[in-house]
């Protein structure tokens, strides 16, 4: 069984989290594992997938729909794919602009007449644009599910 670590708005102190997890794993494996035949350990998604695949389990195929999803009472995620259409258009345009500007930057960098100062300016602009596009590609931003104060 995999327990993913962290979650939005809850994983704030990595040192404390790992120290607590280390204590839990150590105690469990020393005192409880022999009773349950369950060992706790840090892992990776690929290690988990490999272990599950080794079990040779036939998983069912689902054809129903889980939407509308609700994470709290009366907080349904309907409109998930159609909300904030203007923002989603801006995000796509920003990605296109970043891609185009990267090509122009490369051409300028190859031009022997481009000064080091100009290249530095272009590079600074590129990194600012990458930051903005990266933020807009966050799973809550691009889907329109970010909280209002975050938007």
N, C-alpha and C. Protein backbone atom coordinates (compact mmCIF):
# COMPACT_ATOMS: atom_id res chain seq x y z
N UNK A 1 0.85 -1.16 0.00
CA UNK A 1 0.00 0.00 0.00
C UNK A 1 0.90 1.23 0.00
N UNK A 2 0.59 2.19 -0.83
CA UNK A 2 1.39 3.40 -0.89
C UNK A 2 0.64 4.55 -0.22
N UNK A 3 1.37 5.29 0.58
CA UNK A 3 0.86 6.53 1.14
C UNK A 3 1.71 7.65 0.59
N UNK A 4 1.14 8.47 -0.27
CA UNK A 4 1.89 9.58 -0.84
C UNK A 4 2.16 10.61 0.24
N UNK A 5 3.32 11.20 0.19
CA UNK A 5 3.70 12.20 1.19
C UNK A 5 3.36 13.59 0.69
N UNK A 6 2.79 14.39 1.54
CA UNK A 6 2.50 15.77 1.23
C UNK A 6 1.15 15.94 0.58
N UNK A 7 0.68 17.14 0.61
CA UNK A 7 -0.60 17.50 0.02
C UNK A 7 -0.67 19.02 0.04
N UNK A 8 -1.45 19.59 -0.83
CA UNK A 8 -1.60 21.04 -0.83
C UNK A 8 -2.02 21.52 0.55
N UNK A 9 -1.39 22.56 1.01
CA UNK A 9 -1.74 23.27 2.25
C UNK A 9 -1.46 22.47 3.52
N UNK A 10 -0.81 21.31 3.44
CA UNK A 10 -0.58 20.54 4.65
C UNK A 10 0.88 20.17 4.87
N UNK A 11 1.70 20.14 3.86
CA UNK A 11 3.08 19.70 3.99
C UNK A 11 3.96 20.94 4.10
N UNK A 12 4.19 21.39 5.32
CA UNK A 12 4.85 22.67 5.53
C UNK A 12 6.25 22.56 6.12
N UNK A 13 6.57 21.46 6.81
CA UNK A 13 7.84 21.36 7.51
C UNK A 13 8.46 19.99 7.22
N UNK A 14 9.27 19.92 6.18
CA UNK A 14 9.83 18.64 5.73
C UNK A 14 10.68 17.99 6.82
N UNK A 15 11.52 18.76 7.51
CA UNK A 15 12.38 18.18 8.54
C UNK A 15 11.55 17.48 9.61
N UNK A 16 10.53 18.17 10.11
CA UNK A 16 9.67 17.60 11.14
C UNK A 16 8.92 16.38 10.60
N UNK A 17 8.44 16.47 9.37
CA UNK A 17 7.69 15.36 8.79
C UNK A 17 8.57 14.11 8.67
N UNK A 18 9.78 14.28 8.14
CA UNK A 18 10.66 13.13 7.98
C UNK A 18 11.12 12.57 9.33
N UNK A 19 11.38 13.45 10.28
CA UNK A 19 11.77 12.97 11.61
C UNK A 19 10.65 12.14 12.23
N UNK A 20 9.42 12.61 12.11
CA UNK A 20 8.27 11.86 12.64
C UNK A 20 8.08 10.55 11.88
N UNK A 21 8.22 10.61 10.56
CA UNK A 21 8.08 9.39 9.75
C UNK A 21 9.16 8.38 10.09
N UNK A 22 10.39 8.85 10.27
CA UNK A 22 11.49 7.95 10.64
C UNK A 22 11.18 7.25 11.96
N UNK A 23 10.67 8.01 12.94
CA UNK A 23 10.32 7.42 14.24
C UNK A 23 9.21 6.38 14.09
N UNK A 24 8.19 6.71 13.32
CA UNK A 24 7.08 5.78 13.11
C UNK A 24 7.56 4.50 12.43
N UNK A 25 8.35 4.64 11.36
CA UNK A 25 8.85 3.47 10.63
C UNK A 25 9.72 2.60 11.53
N UNK A 26 10.61 3.23 12.28
CA UNK A 26 11.50 2.49 13.17
C UNK A 26 10.72 1.73 14.23
N UNK A 27 9.73 2.41 14.86
CA UNK A 27 8.94 1.76 15.92
C UNK A 27 8.12 0.61 15.33
N UNK A 28 7.44 0.86 14.23
CA UNK A 28 6.59 -0.17 13.62
C UNK A 28 7.42 -1.41 13.26
N UNK A 29 8.50 -1.19 12.54
CA UNK A 29 9.29 -2.33 12.08
C UNK A 29 9.92 -3.11 13.23
N UNK A 30 10.21 -2.44 14.34
CA UNK A 30 10.83 -3.11 15.49
C UNK A 30 9.80 -3.81 16.38
N UNK A 31 8.57 -3.28 16.44
CA UNK A 31 7.60 -3.77 17.43
C UNK A 31 6.32 -4.39 16.86
N UNK A 32 5.92 -3.99 15.70
CA UNK A 32 4.60 -4.40 15.20
C UNK A 32 4.69 -5.23 13.92
N UNK A 33 5.73 -5.06 13.13
CA UNK A 33 5.84 -5.74 11.86
C UNK A 33 5.68 -7.25 12.00
N UNK A 34 6.27 -7.84 13.04
CA UNK A 34 6.21 -9.30 13.21
C UNK A 34 4.78 -9.79 13.42
N UNK A 35 3.89 -8.94 13.95
CA UNK A 35 2.49 -9.32 14.18
C UNK A 35 1.63 -9.16 12.94
N UNK A 36 2.05 -8.27 12.05
CA UNK A 36 1.21 -7.95 10.89
C UNK A 36 1.79 -8.41 9.56
N UNK A 37 3.07 -8.73 9.55
CA UNK A 37 3.80 -9.07 8.32
C UNK A 37 3.77 -7.90 7.33
N UNK A 38 3.72 -6.68 7.86
CA UNK A 38 3.74 -5.47 7.05
C UNK A 38 4.97 -4.66 7.44
N UNK A 39 5.82 -4.39 6.47
CA UNK A 39 7.02 -3.59 6.71
C UNK A 39 6.80 -2.19 6.16
N UNK A 40 7.16 -1.19 6.94
CA UNK A 40 7.09 0.20 6.49
C UNK A 40 8.45 0.61 5.95
N UNK A 41 8.45 1.34 4.82
CA UNK A 41 9.71 1.82 4.26
C UNK A 41 9.43 2.96 3.30
N UNK A 42 10.45 3.79 3.11
CA UNK A 42 10.37 4.81 2.08
C UNK A 42 10.52 4.13 0.73
N UNK A 43 9.84 4.65 -0.26
CA UNK A 43 9.87 4.03 -1.57
C UNK A 43 9.70 5.10 -2.64
N UNK A 44 9.59 4.65 -3.86
CA UNK A 44 9.34 5.54 -4.98
C UNK A 44 8.13 5.00 -5.73
N UNK A 45 7.48 5.82 -6.53
CA UNK A 45 6.35 5.30 -7.32
C UNK A 45 6.73 4.11 -8.20
N UNK A 46 7.91 4.13 -8.79
CA UNK A 46 8.29 3.02 -9.67
C UNK A 46 8.50 1.73 -8.86
N UNK A 47 9.04 1.83 -7.66
CA UNK A 47 9.20 0.64 -6.82
C UNK A 47 7.83 0.07 -6.45
N UNK A 48 6.89 0.95 -6.15
CA UNK A 48 5.54 0.51 -5.81
C UNK A 48 4.87 -0.17 -7.00
N UNK A 49 4.95 0.44 -8.17
CA UNK A 49 4.34 -0.14 -9.37
C UNK A 49 4.95 -1.50 -9.67
N UNK A 50 6.26 -1.62 -9.53
CA UNK A 50 6.92 -2.91 -9.76
C UNK A 50 6.42 -3.98 -8.78
N UNK A 51 6.24 -3.59 -7.52
CA UNK A 51 5.77 -4.54 -6.51
C UNK A 51 4.33 -4.97 -6.79
N UNK A 52 3.49 -4.02 -7.19
CA UNK A 52 2.10 -4.34 -7.53
C UNK A 52 2.05 -5.24 -8.76
N UNK A 53 2.85 -4.93 -9.78
CA UNK A 53 2.88 -5.74 -11.00
C UNK A 53 3.32 -7.18 -10.69
N UNK A 54 4.22 -7.33 -9.74
CA UNK A 54 4.70 -8.67 -9.38
C UNK A 54 3.61 -9.52 -8.75
N UNK A 55 2.55 -8.90 -8.25
CA UNK A 55 1.44 -9.63 -7.64
C UNK A 55 0.54 -10.28 -8.69
N UNK A 56 0.65 -9.83 -9.95
CA UNK A 56 -0.12 -10.38 -11.07
C UNK A 56 -1.63 -10.37 -10.77
N UNK A 57 -2.13 -9.21 -10.37
CA UNK A 57 -3.54 -9.03 -10.03
C UNK A 57 -4.30 -8.57 -11.28
N UNK A 58 -5.48 -9.12 -11.51
CA UNK A 58 -6.33 -8.67 -12.61
C UNK A 58 -7.22 -7.55 -12.08
N UNK A 59 -6.95 -6.33 -12.53
CA UNK A 59 -7.69 -5.16 -12.05
C UNK A 59 -8.93 -4.95 -12.90
N UNK A 60 -10.05 -4.56 -12.29
CA UNK A 60 -11.27 -4.32 -13.07
C UNK A 60 -11.15 -3.02 -13.86
N UNK A 61 -11.86 -2.97 -14.96
CA UNK A 61 -11.94 -1.74 -15.75
C UNK A 61 -13.24 -1.05 -15.38
N UNK A 62 -13.14 0.23 -15.06
CA UNK A 62 -14.33 1.00 -14.67
C UNK A 62 -14.82 1.82 -15.85
N UNK A 63 -16.12 1.88 -15.99
CA UNK A 63 -16.72 2.65 -17.07
C UNK A 63 -17.63 3.76 -16.56
N UNK A 64 -17.80 3.86 -15.25
CA UNK A 64 -18.64 4.91 -14.70
C UNK A 64 -17.85 6.20 -14.57
N UNK A 65 -18.50 7.25 -14.16
CA UNK A 65 -17.89 8.57 -14.06
C UNK A 65 -17.87 9.00 -12.61
N UNK A 66 -16.74 9.52 -12.15
CA UNK A 66 -16.65 9.95 -10.76
C UNK A 66 -17.08 11.40 -10.57
N UNK A 67 -17.31 12.14 -11.63
CA UNK A 67 -17.72 13.53 -11.50
C UNK A 67 -19.23 13.61 -11.33
N UNK A 68 -19.80 14.57 -10.61
CA UNK A 68 -19.08 15.67 -9.99
C UNK A 68 -18.38 15.26 -8.70
N UNK A 69 -17.12 15.58 -8.63
CA UNK A 69 -16.29 15.31 -7.46
C UNK A 69 -16.57 16.37 -6.40
N UNK A 70 -16.55 15.97 -5.14
CA UNK A 70 -16.71 16.92 -4.04
C UNK A 70 -15.66 16.59 -2.98
N UNK A 71 -14.87 17.59 -2.60
CA UNK A 71 -13.87 17.33 -1.57
C UNK A 71 -14.36 17.71 -0.18
N UNK A 72 -15.43 18.47 -0.09
CA UNK A 72 -16.09 18.80 1.18
C UNK A 72 -17.60 18.82 0.91
N UNK A 73 -18.38 18.85 1.98
CA UNK A 73 -19.82 18.95 1.80
C UNK A 73 -20.15 20.20 1.00
N UNK A 74 -21.00 20.04 0.01
CA UNK A 74 -21.49 21.16 -0.80
C UNK A 74 -20.38 21.88 -1.58
N UNK A 75 -19.27 21.25 -1.86
CA UNK A 75 -18.21 21.87 -2.66
C UNK A 75 -17.91 20.98 -3.86
N UNK A 76 -18.81 20.99 -4.81
CA UNK A 76 -18.66 20.14 -5.99
C UNK A 76 -17.78 20.81 -7.03
N UNK A 77 -17.02 20.02 -7.73
CA UNK A 77 -16.09 20.53 -8.74
C UNK A 77 -16.73 20.53 -10.12
N UNK A 78 -18.00 20.82 -10.22
CA UNK A 78 -18.62 20.89 -11.53
C UNK A 78 -18.11 22.13 -12.25
N UNK A 79 -18.04 22.06 -13.56
CA UNK A 79 -17.46 23.15 -14.33
C UNK A 79 -15.95 23.06 -14.40
N UNK A 80 -15.41 21.99 -13.88
CA UNK A 80 -13.96 21.76 -13.80
C UNK A 80 -13.28 21.95 -15.15
N UNK A 81 -13.89 21.44 -16.23
CA UNK A 81 -13.26 21.51 -17.54
C UNK A 81 -13.63 22.77 -18.32
N UNK A 82 -14.64 23.48 -17.87
CA UNK A 82 -15.10 24.64 -18.64
C UNK A 82 -14.98 25.96 -17.89
N UNK A 83 -14.58 25.92 -16.62
CA UNK A 83 -14.49 27.16 -15.86
C UNK A 83 -13.27 27.98 -16.28
N UNK A 84 -13.38 29.27 -16.09
CA UNK A 84 -12.27 30.20 -16.31
C UNK A 84 -11.62 30.06 -17.69
N UNK A 85 -12.47 30.07 -18.70
CA UNK A 85 -12.01 29.86 -20.08
C UNK A 85 -11.00 30.93 -20.51
N UNK A 86 -11.20 32.18 -20.10
CA UNK A 86 -10.26 33.23 -20.48
C UNK A 86 -8.87 32.97 -19.90
N UNK A 87 -8.82 32.56 -18.64
CA UNK A 87 -7.52 32.27 -18.02
C UNK A 87 -6.84 31.13 -18.75
N UNK A 88 -7.60 30.10 -19.09
CA UNK A 88 -7.01 28.95 -19.78
C UNK A 88 -6.46 29.36 -21.15
N UNK A 89 -7.15 30.28 -21.82
CA UNK A 89 -6.66 30.80 -23.11
C UNK A 89 -5.37 31.58 -22.90
N UNK A 90 -5.32 32.41 -21.86
CA UNK A 90 -4.10 33.17 -21.56
C UNK A 90 -2.93 32.22 -21.27
N UNK A 91 -3.21 31.13 -20.55
CA UNK A 91 -2.16 30.17 -20.22
C UNK A 91 -1.59 29.53 -21.49
N UNK A 92 -2.50 29.15 -22.39
CA UNK A 92 -2.04 28.55 -23.65
C UNK A 92 -1.23 29.56 -24.46
N UNK A 93 -1.74 30.80 -24.54
CA UNK A 93 -1.01 31.84 -25.28
C UNK A 93 0.36 32.10 -24.66
N UNK A 94 0.43 32.08 -23.33
CA UNK A 94 1.71 32.28 -22.65
C UNK A 94 2.70 31.18 -22.99
N UNK A 95 2.23 29.95 -23.06
CA UNK A 95 3.10 28.85 -23.45
C UNK A 95 3.60 29.00 -24.87
N UNK A 96 2.72 29.44 -25.77
CA UNK A 96 3.12 29.66 -27.16
C UNK A 96 4.14 30.79 -27.25
N UNK A 97 3.91 31.85 -26.50
CA UNK A 97 4.84 32.98 -26.51
C UNK A 97 6.20 32.57 -25.96
N UNK A 98 6.21 31.78 -24.89
CA UNK A 98 7.47 31.29 -24.34
C UNK A 98 8.22 30.46 -25.38
N UNK A 99 7.52 29.57 -26.05
CA UNK A 99 8.16 28.73 -27.06
C UNK A 99 8.74 29.58 -28.19
N UNK A 100 7.97 30.54 -28.65
CA UNK A 100 8.45 31.42 -29.73
C UNK A 100 9.63 32.26 -29.27
N UNK A 101 9.54 32.81 -28.06
CA UNK A 101 10.63 33.66 -27.58
C UNK A 101 11.92 32.85 -27.38
N UNK A 102 11.80 31.59 -26.99
CA UNK A 102 12.99 30.74 -26.87
C UNK A 102 13.69 30.57 -28.20
N UNK A 103 12.91 30.44 -29.26
CA UNK A 103 13.50 30.31 -30.60
C UNK A 103 14.20 31.61 -30.99
N UNK A 104 13.55 32.74 -30.71
CA UNK A 104 14.16 34.03 -31.03
C UNK A 104 15.42 34.28 -30.20
N UNK A 105 15.38 33.87 -28.93
CA UNK A 105 16.55 34.00 -28.07
C UNK A 105 17.72 33.19 -28.63
N UNK A 106 17.43 31.99 -29.06
CA UNK A 106 18.49 31.13 -29.61
C UNK A 106 19.10 31.77 -30.86
N UNK A 107 18.23 32.33 -31.70
CA UNK A 107 18.75 32.99 -32.91
C UNK A 107 19.62 34.19 -32.54
N UNK A 108 19.19 34.97 -31.55
CA UNK A 108 19.96 36.13 -31.13
C UNK A 108 21.29 35.70 -30.53
N UNK A 109 21.28 34.61 -29.76
CA UNK A 109 22.52 34.13 -29.13
C UNK A 109 23.52 33.65 -30.17
N UNK A 110 23.02 33.17 -31.30
CA UNK A 110 23.92 32.69 -32.37
C UNK A 110 24.46 33.84 -33.23
N UNK A 111 23.83 35.00 -33.14
CA UNK A 111 24.26 36.16 -33.94
C UNK A 111 25.54 36.74 -33.33
N UNK A 112 26.59 36.84 -34.13
CA UNK A 112 27.88 37.33 -33.63
C UNK A 112 27.83 38.79 -33.20
N UNK A 113 26.84 39.54 -33.68
CA UNK A 113 26.72 40.96 -33.33
C UNK A 113 25.99 41.18 -32.00
N UNK A 114 25.41 40.13 -31.42
CA UNK A 114 24.69 40.27 -30.16
C UNK A 114 25.71 40.39 -29.03
N UNK A 115 25.55 41.42 -28.20
CA UNK A 115 26.48 41.63 -27.09
C UNK A 115 26.14 40.72 -25.91
N UNK A 116 27.10 40.57 -25.03
CA UNK A 116 26.87 39.77 -23.82
C UNK A 116 25.76 40.38 -22.98
N UNK A 117 25.69 41.70 -22.92
CA UNK A 117 24.64 42.38 -22.15
C UNK A 117 23.26 42.08 -22.73
N UNK A 118 23.17 42.07 -24.05
CA UNK A 118 21.88 41.74 -24.69
C UNK A 118 21.49 40.29 -24.40
N UNK A 119 22.45 39.41 -24.48
CA UNK A 119 22.17 38.00 -24.19
C UNK A 119 21.69 37.85 -22.75
N UNK A 120 22.34 38.58 -21.83
CA UNK A 120 21.92 38.51 -20.43
C UNK A 120 20.49 39.04 -20.27
N UNK A 121 20.15 40.12 -20.96
CA UNK A 121 18.80 40.67 -20.91
C UNK A 121 17.79 39.66 -21.43
N UNK A 122 18.10 39.03 -22.57
CA UNK A 122 17.21 38.03 -23.15
C UNK A 122 17.03 36.85 -22.19
N UNK A 123 18.13 36.45 -21.59
CA UNK A 123 18.07 35.32 -20.66
C UNK A 123 17.23 35.67 -19.43
N UNK A 124 17.38 36.87 -18.92
CA UNK A 124 16.56 37.31 -17.78
C UNK A 124 15.07 37.30 -18.14
N UNK A 125 14.76 37.81 -19.32
CA UNK A 125 13.35 37.82 -19.76
C UNK A 125 12.83 36.40 -19.92
N UNK A 126 13.66 35.53 -20.46
CA UNK A 126 13.27 34.13 -20.65
C UNK A 126 12.93 33.48 -19.31
N UNK A 127 13.77 33.68 -18.29
CA UNK A 127 13.52 33.06 -16.99
C UNK A 127 12.28 33.64 -16.32
N UNK A 128 12.02 34.93 -16.50
CA UNK A 128 10.79 35.50 -15.94
C UNK A 128 9.57 34.87 -16.60
N UNK A 129 9.64 34.72 -17.92
CA UNK A 129 8.52 34.11 -18.64
C UNK A 129 8.35 32.64 -18.23
N UNK A 130 9.45 31.92 -18.05
CA UNK A 130 9.36 30.53 -17.62
C UNK A 130 8.71 30.42 -16.24
N UNK A 131 9.02 31.35 -15.34
CA UNK A 131 8.39 31.36 -14.02
C UNK A 131 6.88 31.53 -14.14
N UNK A 132 6.46 32.49 -14.94
CA UNK A 132 5.03 32.77 -15.10
C UNK A 132 4.31 31.57 -15.72
N UNK A 133 4.86 31.05 -16.80
CA UNK A 133 4.23 29.91 -17.47
C UNK A 133 4.22 28.69 -16.53
N UNK A 134 5.28 28.50 -15.79
CA UNK A 134 5.34 27.39 -14.85
C UNK A 134 4.26 27.47 -13.80
N UNK A 135 4.03 28.66 -13.26
CA UNK A 135 2.99 28.84 -12.25
C UNK A 135 1.61 28.57 -12.84
N UNK A 136 1.39 29.05 -14.06
CA UNK A 136 0.06 28.84 -14.67
C UNK A 136 -0.19 27.38 -15.01
N UNK A 137 0.86 26.58 -15.10
CA UNK A 137 0.68 25.17 -15.41
C UNK A 137 0.46 24.31 -14.16
N UNK A 138 0.42 24.94 -12.99
CA UNK A 138 0.11 24.20 -11.77
C UNK A 138 -1.27 23.57 -11.94
N UNK A 139 -1.46 22.39 -11.38
CA UNK A 139 -2.70 21.65 -11.62
C UNK A 139 -3.95 22.40 -11.16
N UNK A 140 -3.85 23.25 -10.16
CA UNK A 140 -5.03 24.03 -9.75
C UNK A 140 -5.22 25.28 -10.60
N UNK A 141 -4.15 25.82 -11.15
CA UNK A 141 -4.27 27.02 -11.99
C UNK A 141 -4.86 26.66 -13.35
N UNK A 142 -4.27 25.70 -14.02
CA UNK A 142 -4.69 25.38 -15.38
C UNK A 142 -6.10 24.77 -15.42
N UNK A 143 -6.51 24.10 -14.36
CA UNK A 143 -7.84 23.49 -14.35
C UNK A 143 -8.92 24.46 -13.88
N UNK A 144 -8.53 25.56 -13.27
CA UNK A 144 -9.52 26.49 -12.75
C UNK A 144 -10.01 26.13 -11.36
N UNK A 145 -9.30 25.25 -10.66
CA UNK A 145 -9.74 24.84 -9.33
C UNK A 145 -9.01 25.55 -8.20
N UNK A 146 -8.14 26.50 -8.54
CA UNK A 146 -7.43 27.23 -7.48
C UNK A 146 -8.41 28.06 -6.67
N UNK A 147 -8.10 28.22 -5.42
CA UNK A 147 -8.94 29.05 -4.56
C UNK A 147 -8.88 30.50 -5.04
N UNK A 148 -9.95 31.23 -4.80
CA UNK A 148 -10.07 32.60 -5.33
C UNK A 148 -8.92 33.49 -4.89
N UNK A 149 -8.53 33.44 -3.63
CA UNK A 149 -7.44 34.31 -3.17
C UNK A 149 -6.11 33.93 -3.82
N UNK A 150 -5.96 32.69 -4.25
CA UNK A 150 -4.73 32.26 -4.93
C UNK A 150 -4.72 32.80 -6.36
N UNK A 151 -5.86 32.76 -7.01
CA UNK A 151 -5.95 33.27 -8.39
C UNK A 151 -5.60 34.73 -8.40
